[in-house]
Amino acid sequence: MLIELKDVYKIYSEGLESEVRALDGVSLTIDRGEFVAVVGQSGSGKSTMMNVLGCLDIPTHGTYLLDGVDVKELTDRELSHIRNKQIGFIFQQYNLVQSLNVLENVELPLIYQGIGADERRELALDALDRVGLLGREKHKPSEMSGGQQQRVAIARAISTRPPIIMADEPTGALDSHTGHDVLHFLQDLNKGGSTVILITHDNGIAATARRCVRIADGKIVDDQAQEVDWL
């Protein structure tokens, strides 16, 4: 088992009148190689769940075991290493550095890992090749379409070859055709062995995953496998 949440709460302003239970007693397991969609409306707690699963935030109560390790016991440095090495993040907003070219953007997480220049360039070019952007590495983000920028963001996420991909509304800023391409690429990553966790409010997008976890008011209200027509 890769991921296990046990009775996890994420509470803001705990004990105050303004207390918000973004996650309210959530228990969830995800095995290696799964493609799971977490779906819910705005304010349901789905993004908070991604933050917890991605070690961007720590549960207020309960236990999160990542590959058997309790994340509450980890130092900030160890959590940073997990985020940089084990998890590739893809967001709705591309979060590219506008002053850097495409290759430099993709190399950023590799720099944080201390990888040497030659290997770093090789890994970044390989990632760009996988998303169909080889030959565009000297372009700046402002010179590219939204779909191309999202592909740069995906290349950056996979450049470290992480075993887990977390995608938070990755098609939200894209037209339907380009969004379809992004979802197809996530499916390909899953076929290649990556564990993919897709956060979305859209039932149609959630239908591209092999398993759908529905969340409302900070609670899991449904969790089931589903038949998928691969894109």
C-alpha atoms as a PDB file:
ATOM      1  CA  MET A   1       0.000   0.000   0.000  1.00  0.00           C
ATOM      2  CA  LEU A   2       1.400   3.393  -1.004  1.00  0.00           C
ATOM      3  CA  ILE A   3      -0.931   5.851   0.732  1.00  0.00           C
ATOM      4  CA  GLU A   4      -3.051   5.437   3.852  1.00  0.00           C
ATOM      5  CA  LEU A   5      -5.079   8.099   5.623  1.00  0.00           C
ATOM      6  CA  LYS A   6      -6.505   7.024   8.986  1.00  0.00           C
ATOM      7  CA  ASP A   7      -9.263   9.201  10.463  1.00  0.00           C
ATOM      8  CA  VAL A   8      -7.593  12.400   9.226  1.00  0.00           C
ATOM      9  CA  TYR A   9      -8.821  15.859  10.186  1.00  0.00           C
ATOM     10  CA  LYS A  10      -7.577  19.183   8.869  1.00  0.00           C
ATOM     11  CA  ILE A  11      -9.074  21.895  11.032  1.00  0.00           C
ATOM     12  CA  TYR A  12      -8.557  25.625  10.724  1.00  0.00           C
ATOM     13  CA  SER A  13      -9.179  27.891  13.755  1.00  0.00           C
ATOM     14  CA  GLU A  14      -9.717  24.798  15.893  1.00  0.00           C
ATOM     15  CA  GLY A  15     -11.797  25.452  18.985  1.00  0.00           C
ATOM     16  CA  LEU A  16     -12.950  28.857  17.816  1.00  0.00           C
ATOM     17  CA  GLU A  17     -16.380  29.885  16.627  1.00  0.00           C
ATOM     18  CA  SER A  18     -14.913  30.227  13.139  1.00  0.00           C
ATOM     19  CA  GLU A  19     -13.596  26.623  13.146  1.00  0.00           C
ATOM     20  CA  VAL A  20     -13.551  24.995   9.698  1.00  0.00           C
ATOM     21  CA  ARG A  21     -13.140  21.253   9.237  1.00  0.00           C
ATOM     22  CA  ALA A  22     -11.703  21.098   5.732  1.00  0.00           C
ATOM     23  CA  LEU A  23     -11.168  17.358   6.244  1.00  0.00           C
ATOM     24  CA  ASP A  24     -13.459  15.680   8.726  1.00  0.00           C
ATOM     25  CA  GLY A  25     -12.397  12.165   9.712  1.00  0.00           C
ATOM     26  CA  VAL A  26     -11.178  10.971   6.304  1.00  0.00           C
ATOM     27  CA  SER A  27      -9.849   7.427   5.848  1.00  0.00           C
ATOM     28  CA  LEU A  28      -8.479   6.400   2.465  1.00  0.00           C
ATOM     29  CA  THR A  29      -6.001   3.937   0.957  1.00  0.00           C
ATOM     30  CA  ILE A  30      -4.345   4.135  -2.463  1.00  0.00           C
ATOM     31  CA  ASP A  31      -2.193   1.338  -3.880  1.00  0.00           C
ATOM     32  CA  ARG A  32       0.796   1.745  -6.153  1.00  0.00           C
ATOM     33  CA  GLY A  33      -0.156   2.116  -9.800  1.00  0.00           C
ATOM     34  CA  GLU A  34      -3.701   3.329  -9.201  1.00  0.00           C
ATOM     35  CA  PHE A  35      -5.325   6.194 -11.097  1.00  0.00           C
ATOM     36  CA  VAL A  36      -7.667   7.881  -8.630  1.00  0.00           C
ATOM     37  CA  ALA A  37      -9.869  10.924  -9.168  1.00  0.00           C
ATOM     38  CA  VAL A  38     -10.888  12.922  -6.092  1.00  0.00           C
ATOM     39  CA  VAL A  39     -13.993  14.835  -7.126  1.00  0.00           C
ATOM     40  CA  GLY A  40     -16.036  17.444  -5.302  1.00  0.00           C
ATOM     41  CA  GLN A  41     -17.454  20.919  -5.593  1.00  0.00           C
ATOM     42  CA  SER A  42     -15.713  24.103  -4.467  1.00  0.00           C
ATOM     43  CA  GLY A  43     -15.262  24.033  -0.702  1.00  0.00           C
ATOM     44  CA  SER A  44     -15.711  20.268  -0.469  1.00  0.00           C
ATOM     45  CA  GLY A  45     -12.194  19.662   0.858  1.00  0.00           C
ATOM     46  CA  LYS A  46     -10.678  18.107  -2.255  1.00  0.00           C
ATOM     47  CA  SER A  47      -7.821  20.617  -2.559  1.00  0.00           C
ATOM     48  CA  THR A  48      -7.074  20.294   1.149  1.00  0.00           C
ATOM     49  CA  MET A  49      -6.873  16.542   0.621  1.00  0.00           C
ATOM     50  CA  MET A  50      -4.356  17.054  -2.170  1.00  0.00           C
ATOM     51  CA  ASN A  51      -2.296  19.351   0.056  1.00  0.00           C
ATOM     52  CA  VAL A  52      -2.226  16.673   2.753  1.00  0.00           C
ATOM     53  CA  LEU A  53      -1.511  13.817   0.331  1.00  0.00           C
ATOM     54  CA  GLY A  54       1.222  15.893  -1.310  1.00  0.00           C
ATOM     55  CA  CYS A  55       2.883  16.714   2.041  1.00  0.00           C
ATOM     56  CA  LEU A  56       2.187  20.399   1.463  1.00  0.00           C
ATOM     57  CA  ASP A  57       0.202  20.379   4.715  1.00  0.00           C
ATOM     58  CA  ILE A  58       0.096  18.162   7.798  1.00  0.00           C
ATOM     59  CA  PRO A  59      -3.106  16.698   9.319  1.00  0.00           C
ATOM     60  CA  THR A  60      -4.410  18.347  12.477  1.00  0.00           C
ATOM     61  CA  HIS A  61      -5.439  14.934  13.795  1.00  0.00           C
ATOM     62  CA  GLY A  62      -5.163  11.389  12.486  1.00  0.00           C
ATOM     63  CA  THR A  63      -2.413   9.574  10.619  1.00  0.00           C
ATOM     64  CA  TYR A  64      -1.046   9.810   7.101  1.00  0.00           C
ATOM     65  CA  LEU A  65       1.263   6.966   6.137  1.00  0.00           C
ATOM     66  CA  LEU A  66       3.171   7.456   2.881  1.00  0.00           C
ATOM     67  CA  ASP A  67       4.877   4.237   1.850  1.00  0.00           C
ATOM     68  CA  GLY A  68       4.583   3.125   5.476  1.00  0.00           C
ATOM     69  CA  VAL A  69       6.104   6.298   6.936  1.00  0.00           C
ATOM     70  CA  ASP A  70       4.091   8.606   9.231  1.00  0.00           C
ATOM     71  CA  VAL A  71       4.554  12.060   7.687  1.00  0.00           C
ATOM     72  CA  LYS A  72       3.971  13.736  11.066  1.00  0.00           C
ATOM     73  CA  GLU A  73       7.292  12.288  12.206  1.00  0.00           C
ATOM     74  CA  LEU A  74       9.250  13.835   9.326  1.00  0.00           C
ATOM     75  CA  THR A  75      11.307  17.017   9.466  1.00  0.00           C
ATOM     76  CA  ASP A  76      10.649  19.942   7.125  1.00  0.00           C
ATOM     77  CA  ARG A  77      13.724  18.919   5.156  1.00  0.00           C
ATOM     78  CA  GLU A  78      12.476  15.343   4.794  1.00  0.00           C
ATOM     79  CA  LEU A  79       9.043  16.576   3.691  1.00  0.00           C
ATOM     80  CA  SER A  80      10.695  18.862   1.149  1.00  0.00           C
ATOM     81  CA  HIS A  81      12.668  15.896  -0.199  1.00  0.00           C
ATOM     82  CA  ILE A  82       9.429  13.895  -0.628  1.00  0.00           C
ATOM     83  CA  ARG A  83       7.765  16.771  -2.483  1.00  0.00           C
ATOM     84  CA  ASN A  84      10.759  17.172  -4.750  1.00  0.00           C
ATOM     85  CA  LYS A  85      11.681  13.537  -5.374  1.00  0.00           C
ATOM     86  CA  GLN A  86       8.603  11.349  -4.868  1.00  0.00           C
ATOM     87  CA  ILE A  87       5.746  13.563  -6.055  1.00  0.00           C
ATOM     88  CA  GLY A  88       5.261  15.481  -9.293  1.00  0.00           C
ATOM     89  CA  PHE A  89       2.716  18.307  -8.999  1.00  0.00           C
ATOM     90  CA  ILE A  90       0.605  19.644 -11.863  1.00  0.00           C
ATOM     91  CA  PHE A  91      -1.645  22.622 -11.112  1.00  0.00           C
ATOM     92  CA  GLN A  92      -4.358  24.530 -12.963  1.00  0.00           C
ATOM     93  CA  GLN A  93      -2.058  27.547 -13.024  1.00  0.00           C
ATOM     94  CA  TYR A  94       1.171  26.551 -14.686  1.00  0.00           C
ATOM     95  CA  ASN A  95       3.440  28.321 -12.142  1.00  0.00           C
ATOM     96  CA  LEU A  96       6.213  28.769 -14.676  1.00  0.00           C
ATOM     97  CA  VAL A  97       8.969  31.310 -14.085  1.00  0.00           C
ATOM     98  CA  GLN A  98       8.422  33.830 -16.842  1.00  0.00           C
ATOM     99  CA  SER A  99      12.032  35.034 -16.930  1.00  0.00           C
ATOM    100  CA  LEU A 100      13.333  31.516 -17.593  1.00  0.00           C
ATOM    101  CA  ASN A 101      13.104  29.609 -20.846  1.00  0.00           C
ATOM    102  CA  VAL A 102      11.351  26.258 -21.172  1.00  0.00           C
ATOM    103  CA  LEU A 103      14.437  24.143 -20.505  1.00  0.00           C
ATOM    104  CA  GLU A 104      15.376  26.182 -17.435  1.00  0.00           C
ATOM    105  CA  ASN A 105      11.836  25.840 -16.044  1.00  0.00           C
ATOM    106  CA  VAL A 106      11.917  22.059 -16.435  1.00  0.00           C
ATOM    107  CA  GLU A 107      15.373  21.883 -14.844  1.00  0.00           C
ATOM    108  CA  LEU A 108      14.309  23.682 -11.643  1.00  0.00           C
ATOM    109  CA  PRO A 109      13.357  20.621  -9.522  1.00  0.00           C
ATOM    110  CA  LEU A 110      16.520  18.886 -10.730  1.00  0.00           C
ATOM    111  CA  ILE A 111      18.602  21.827  -9.516  1.00  0.00           C
ATOM    112  CA  TYR A 112      16.938  21.522  -6.111  1.00  0.00           C
ATOM    113  CA  GLN A 113      18.015  17.874  -6.069  1.00  0.00           C
ATOM    114  CA  GLY A 114      21.610  18.853  -6.694  1.00  0.00           C
ATOM    115  CA  ILE A 115      21.828  17.007 -10.022  1.00  0.00           C
ATOM    116  CA  GLY A 116      24.789  18.010 -12.174  1.00  0.00           C
ATOM    117  CA  ALA A 117      24.361  20.162 -15.267  1.00  0.00           C
ATOM    118  CA  ASP A 118      24.863  17.447 -17.910  1.00  0.00           C
ATOM    119  CA  GLU A 119      22.504  14.915 -16.302  1.00  0.00           C
ATOM    120  CA  ARG A 120      20.032  17.686 -15.524  1.00  0.00           C
ATOM    121  CA  ARG A 121      19.885  18.761 -19.147  1.00  0.00           C
ATOM    122  CA  GLU A 122      19.482  15.145 -20.306  1.00  0.00           C
ATOM    123  CA  LEU A 123      16.579  14.507 -17.916  1.00  0.00           C
ATOM    124  CA  ALA A 124      14.888  17.807 -18.815  1.00  0.00           C
ATOM    125  CA  LEU A 125      15.186  17.197 -22.559  1.00  0.00           C
ATOM    126  CA  ASP A 126      13.810  13.680 -22.107  1.00  0.00           C
ATOM    127  CA  ALA A 127      10.800  15.095 -20.228  1.00  0.00           C
ATOM    128  CA  LEU A 128      10.224  17.694 -22.948  1.00  0.00           C
ATOM    129  CA  ASP A 129      10.431  14.979 -25.585  1.00  0.00           C
ATOM    130  CA  ARG A 130       7.768  12.962 -23.732  1.00  0.00           C
ATOM    131  CA  VAL A 131       5.339  15.896 -23.828  1.00  0.00           C
ATOM    132  CA  GLY A 132       6.120  16.744 -27.461  1.00  0.00           C
ATOM    133  CA  LEU A 133       8.018  19.976 -26.899  1.00  0.00           C
ATOM    134  CA  LEU A 134      11.524  19.031 -27.950  1.00  0.00           C
ATOM    135  CA  GLY A 135      12.840  21.887 -30.053  1.00  0.00           C
ATOM    136  CA  ARG A 136      10.984  24.531 -28.034  1.00  0.00           C
ATOM    137  CA  GLU A 137      13.364  24.528 -25.071  1.00  0.00           C
ATOM    138  CA  LYS A 138      14.691  28.062 -25.716  1.00  0.00           C
ATOM    139  CA  HIS A 139      11.230  29.663 -25.812  1.00  0.00           C
ATOM    140  CA  LYS A 140       9.916  31.738 -22.924  1.00  0.00           C
ATOM    141  CA  PRO A 141       6.501  30.832 -21.435  1.00  0.00           C
ATOM    142  CA  SER A 142       5.008  34.065 -22.817  1.00  0.00           C
ATOM    143  CA  GLU A 143       5.785  32.837 -26.331  1.00  0.00           C
ATOM    144  CA  MET A 144       3.671  29.697 -25.888  1.00  0.00           C
ATOM    145  CA  SER A 145      -0.023  28.851 -25.837  1.00  0.00           C
ATOM    146  CA  GLY A 146      -1.800  27.801 -22.659  1.00  0.00           C
ATOM    147  CA  GLY A 147      -1.715  24.167 -23.703  1.00  0.00           C
ATOM    148  CA  GLN A 148       2.003  24.324 -24.414  1.00  0.00           C
ATOM    149  CA  GLN A 149       2.659  25.975 -21.047  1.00  0.00           C
ATOM    150  CA  GLN A 150       0.733  23.214 -19.290  1.00  0.00           C
ATOM    151  CA  ARG A 151       2.853  20.659 -21.125  1.00  0.00           C
ATOM    152  CA  VAL A 152       5.971  22.459 -19.869  1.00  0.00           C
ATOM    153  CA  ALA A 153       4.533  22.231 -16.359  1.00  0.00           C
ATOM    154  CA  ILE A 154       3.933  18.497 -16.880  1.00  0.00           C
ATOM    155  CA  ALA A 155       7.491  18.045 -18.161  1.00  0.00           C
ATOM    156  CA  ARG A 156       8.764  19.792 -15.040  1.00  0.00           C
ATOM    157  CA  ALA A 157       6.609  17.503 -12.860  1.00  0.00           C
ATOM    158  CA  ILE A 158       7.938  14.319 -14.484  1.00  0.00           C
ATOM    159  CA  SER A 159      11.574  15.411 -14.944  1.00  0.00           C
ATOM    160  CA  THR A 160      12.546  13.853 -11.603  1.00  0.00           C
ATOM    161  CA  ARG A 161      10.713  10.644 -12.596  1.00  0.00           C
ATOM    162  CA  PRO A 162       8.561  10.632  -9.459  1.00  0.00           C
ATOM    163  CA  PRO A 163       6.432   7.567  -8.664  1.00  0.00           C
ATOM    164  CA  ILE A 164       3.418   9.752  -7.763  1.00  0.00           C
ATOM    165  CA  ILE A 165       1.746  12.401  -9.940  1.00  0.00           C
ATOM    166  CA  MET A 166      -0.758  14.772  -8.321  1.00  0.00           C
ATOM    167  CA  ALA A 167      -2.793  16.908 -10.711  1.00  0.00           C
ATOM    168  CA  ASP A 168      -5.045  19.637  -9.299  1.00  0.00           C
ATOM    169  CA  GLU A 169      -7.610  20.748 -11.917  1.00  0.00           C
ATOM    170  CA  PRO A 170      -4.932  20.357 -14.632  1.00  0.00           C
ATOM    171  CA  THR A 171      -7.340  21.138 -17.493  1.00  0.00           C
ATOM    172  CA  GLY A 172      -9.111  24.059 -15.823  1.00  0.00           C
ATOM    173  CA  ALA A 173      -7.401  26.763 -17.882  1.00  0.00           C
ATOM    174  CA  LEU A 174      -7.460  24.852 -21.175  1.00  0.00           C
ATOM    175  CA  ASP A 175      -9.871  24.397 -24.072  1.00  0.00           C
ATOM    176  CA  SER A 176     -11.552  21.009 -24.355  1.00  0.00           C
ATOM    177  CA  HIS A 177      -9.244  19.646 -27.070  1.00  0.00           C
ATOM    178  CA  THR A 178      -6.053  20.587 -25.213  1.00  0.00           C
ATOM    179  CA  GLY A 179      -7.545  19.366 -21.936  1.00  0.00           C
ATOM    180  CA  HIS A 180      -8.252  16.021 -23.590  1.00  0.00           C
ATOM    181  CA  ASP A 181      -4.562  15.774 -24.542  1.00  0.00           C
ATOM    182  CA  VAL A 182      -3.497  16.437 -20.932  1.00  0.00           C
ATOM    183  CA  LEU A 183      -5.844  13.744 -19.598  1.00  0.00           C
ATOM    184  CA  HIS A 184      -4.552  11.320 -22.234  1.00  0.00           C
ATOM    185  CA  PHE A 185      -1.013  12.014 -21.072  1.00  0.00           C
ATOM    186  CA  LEU A 186      -1.983  11.329 -17.446  1.00  0.00           C
ATOM    187  CA  GLN A 187      -3.448   8.010 -18.538  1.00  0.00           C
ATOM    188  CA  ASP A 188      -0.205   7.201 -20.365  1.00  0.00           C
ATOM    189  CA  LEU A 189       1.795   8.000 -17.226  1.00  0.00           C
ATOM    190  CA  ASN A 190      -0.442   5.626 -15.286  1.00  0.00           C
ATOM    191  CA  LYS A 191       0.003   2.906 -17.900  1.00  0.00           C
ATOM    192  CA  GLY A 192       3.752   3.373 -17.433  1.00  0.00           C
ATOM    193  CA  GLY A 193       3.442   2.616 -13.730  1.00  0.00           C
ATOM    194  CA  SER A 194       2.941   6.031 -12.132  1.00  0.00           C
ATOM    195  CA  THR A 195       0.381   6.432  -9.391  1.00  0.00           C
ATOM    196  CA  VAL A 196      -1.868   9.305 -10.518  1.00  0.00           C
ATOM    197  CA  ILE A 197      -4.153  11.318  -8.238  1.00  0.00           C
ATOM    198  CA  LEU A 198      -6.408  13.722 -10.111  1.00  0.00           C
ATOM    199  CA  ILE A 199      -8.291  16.466  -8.248  1.00  0.00           C
ATOM    200  CA  THR A 200     -11.322  17.844 -10.084  1.00  0.00           C
ATOM    201  CA  HIS A 201     -14.839  19.253  -9.743  1.00  0.00           C
ATOM    202  CA  ASP A 202     -15.829  17.839 -13.146  1.00  0.00           C
ATOM    203  CA  ASN A 203     -17.525  14.426 -13.303  1.00  0.00           C
ATOM    204  CA  GLY A 204     -16.541  14.014 -16.940  1.00  0.00           C
ATOM    205  CA  ILE A 205     -12.868  14.488 -16.118  1.00  0.00           C
ATOM    206  CA  ALA A 206     -13.180  12.191 -13.092  1.00  0.00           C
ATOM    207  CA  ALA A 207     -14.531   9.505 -15.451  1.00  0.00           C
ATOM    208  CA  THR A 208     -11.062   9.188 -17.037  1.00  0.00           C
ATOM    209  CA  ALA A 209      -9.711   7.618 -13.821  1.00  0.00           C
ATOM    210  CA  ARG A 210     -10.016   3.982 -12.816  1.00  0.00           C
ATOM    211  CA  ARG A 211     -11.373   4.900  -9.398  1.00  0.00           C
ATOM    212  CA  CYS A 212     -13.489   7.827  -8.217  1.00  0.00           C
ATOM    213  CA  VAL A 213     -13.480   9.157  -4.644  1.00  0.00           C
ATOM    214  CA  ARG A 214     -16.222  11.706  -3.997  1.00  0.00           C
ATOM    215  CA  ILE A 215     -15.822  14.231  -1.210  1.00  0.00           C
ATOM    216  CA  ALA A 216     -18.354  16.658   0.299  1.00  0.00           C
ATOM    217  CA  ASP A 217     -18.111  18.820   3.424  1.00  0.00           C
ATOM    218  CA  GLY A 218     -14.718  17.322   4.210  1.00  0.00           C
ATOM    219  CA  LYS A 219     -15.984  13.725   4.200  1.00  0.00           C
ATOM    220  CA  ILE A 220     -15.671  10.898   1.679  1.00  0.00           C
ATOM    221  CA  VAL A 221     -19.209  10.130   0.539  1.00  0.00           C
ATOM    222  CA  ASP A 222     -18.443   7.592  -2.194  1.00  0.00           C
ATOM    223  CA  ASP A 223     -15.447   5.526  -3.291  1.00  0.00           C
ATOM    224  CA  GLN A 224     -15.675   3.066  -6.126  1.00  0.00           C
ATOM    225  CA  ALA A 225     -13.816   1.590  -9.070  1.00  0.00           C
ATOM    226  CA  GLN A 226     -15.138   2.461 -12.499  1.00  0.00           C
ATOM    227  CA  GLU A 227     -14.847   1.230 -16.047  1.00  0.00           C
ATOM    228  CA  VAL A 228     -12.731   3.555 -18.131  1.00  0.00           C
ATOM    229  CA  ASP A 229     -12.580   4.087 -21.862  1.00  0.00           C
ATOM    230  CA  TRP A 230      -8.940   5.040 -22.344  1.00  0.00           C
ATOM    231  CA  LEU A 231      -8.599   8.246 -24.342  1.00  0.00           C
END
